[in-house]
C-alpha atoms as a PDB file:
ATOM      1  CA  MET A   1     -11.589 -12.529  -0.190  1.00  0.00           C
ATOM      2  CA  GLN A   2     -14.494 -12.378  -2.642  1.00  0.00           C
ATOM      3  CA  HIS A   3     -15.476  -8.972  -1.272  1.00  0.00           C
ATOM      4  CA  PHE A   4     -11.951  -7.674  -1.893  1.00  0.00           C
ATOM      5  CA  VAL A   5     -11.854  -8.969  -5.473  1.00  0.00           C
ATOM      6  CA  ARG A   6     -15.299  -7.599  -6.299  1.00  0.00           C
ATOM      7  CA  GLU A   7     -14.499  -4.171  -4.870  1.00  0.00           C
ATOM      8  CA  MET A   8     -11.091  -4.048  -6.563  1.00  0.00           C
ATOM      9  CA  GLU A   9     -12.674  -4.722  -9.960  1.00  0.00           C
ATOM     10  CA  ASN A  10     -14.792  -1.598  -9.546  1.00  0.00           C
ATOM     11  CA  ILE A  11     -11.901   0.442  -8.199  1.00  0.00           C
ATOM     12  CA  ALA A  12      -9.597  -0.631 -11.045  1.00  0.00           C
ATOM     13  CA  VAL A  13     -11.949   1.068 -13.488  1.00  0.00           C
ATOM     14  CA  TRP A  14     -11.827   4.305 -11.470  1.00  0.00           C
ATOM     15  CA  VAL A  15      -8.024   4.159 -11.339  1.00  0.00           C
ATOM     16  CA  ALA A  16      -7.805   3.563 -15.092  1.00  0.00           C
ATOM     17  CA  ASP A  17     -10.114   6.528 -15.695  1.00  0.00           C
ATOM     18  CA  ASN A  18      -8.085   8.732 -13.297  1.00  0.00           C
ATOM     19  CA  VAL A  19     -11.136   9.220 -11.092  1.00  0.00           C
ATOM     20  CA  ILE A  20      -9.283   8.471  -7.864  1.00  0.00           C
ATOM     21  CA  ASP A  21      -5.744   9.374  -6.842  1.00  0.00           C
ATOM     22  CA  LYS A  22      -3.170   7.298  -4.954  1.00  0.00           C
ATOM     23  CA  ASP A  23      -4.167   8.684  -1.560  1.00  0.00           C
ATOM     24  CA  LEU A  24      -7.826   7.800  -2.031  1.00  0.00           C
ATOM     25  CA  LEU A  25      -6.878   4.409  -3.466  1.00  0.00           C
ATOM     26  CA  HIS A  26      -4.842   3.680  -0.329  1.00  0.00           C
ATOM     27  CA  LYS A  27      -7.779   4.650   1.890  1.00  0.00           C
ATOM     28  CA  ILE A  28     -10.154   2.435  -0.092  1.00  0.00           C
ATOM     29  CA  ILE A  29      -7.872  -0.613  -0.028  1.00  0.00           C
ATOM     30  CA  SER A  30      -7.186  -0.172   3.691  1.00  0.00           C
ATOM     31  CA  SER A  31     -10.897   0.069   4.356  1.00  0.00           C
ATOM     32  CA  ILE A  32     -11.631  -3.076   2.355  1.00  0.00           C
ATOM     33  CA  LEU A  33      -8.944  -5.008   4.220  1.00  0.00           C
ATOM     34  CA  TYR A  34      -9.527  -3.770   7.762  1.00  0.00           C
ATOM     35  CA  GLU A  35     -13.146  -2.639   8.034  1.00  0.00           C
ATOM     36  CA  ASP A  36     -16.529  -4.233   7.422  1.00  0.00           C
ATOM     37  CA  GLU A  37     -17.648  -1.363   5.211  1.00  0.00           C
ATOM     38  CA  TYR A  38     -16.525   2.063   4.071  1.00  0.00           C
ATOM     39  CA  SER A  39     -16.802   4.856   6.636  1.00  0.00           C
ATOM     40  CA  ILE A  40     -19.169   7.720   5.923  1.00  0.00           C
ATOM     41  CA  ALA A  41     -16.182  10.016   5.361  1.00  0.00           C
ATOM     42  CA  LEU A  42     -14.652   7.631   2.820  1.00  0.00           C
ATOM     43  CA  LYS A  43     -17.968   7.170   1.032  1.00  0.00           C
ATOM     44  CA  LEU A  44     -18.180  10.946   0.734  1.00  0.00           C
ATOM     45  CA  GLU A  45     -14.631  11.174  -0.652  1.00  0.00           C
ATOM     46  CA  ILE A  46     -15.416   8.503  -3.249  1.00  0.00           C
ATOM     47  CA  TYR A  47     -18.676  10.219  -4.188  1.00  0.00           C
ATOM     48  CA  GLU A  48     -16.943  13.592  -4.584  1.00  0.00           C
ATOM     49  CA  ALA A  49     -14.186  12.084  -6.743  1.00  0.00           C
ATOM     50  CA  VAL A  50     -16.708  10.363  -9.012  1.00  0.00           C
ATOM     51  CA  GLN A  51     -18.804  13.552  -9.254  1.00  0.00           C
ATOM     52  CA  ARG A  52     -15.729  15.621 -10.202  1.00  0.00           C
ATOM     53  CA  ALA A  53     -14.879  13.111 -12.925  1.00  0.00           C
ATOM     54  CA  GLU A  54     -18.452  13.181 -14.243  1.00  0.00           C
ATOM     55  CA  ASP A  55     -18.499  16.988 -14.222  1.00  0.00           C
ATOM     56  CA  ASN A  56     -15.209  17.081 -16.143  1.00  0.00           C
ATOM     57  CA  LYS A  57     -16.578  14.677 -18.767  1.00  0.00           C
ATOM     58  CA  GLN A  58     -19.591  16.915 -19.369  1.00  0.00           C
ATOM     59  CA  GLN A  59     -17.474  20.034 -19.946  1.00  0.00           C
END
């Protein structure tokens, strides 16, 4: 349960900043609940979403 709460705190910031969409949010929450860690594919999706948000901030 502590892992879920800690991860959701970080994810809540990304949701508030519109970094991740509903589809990615669903994948992240499912991964937290059902897997020991994020898959490589999910890590890549998260990374790409964060990078896009950072690139948009710099423009």
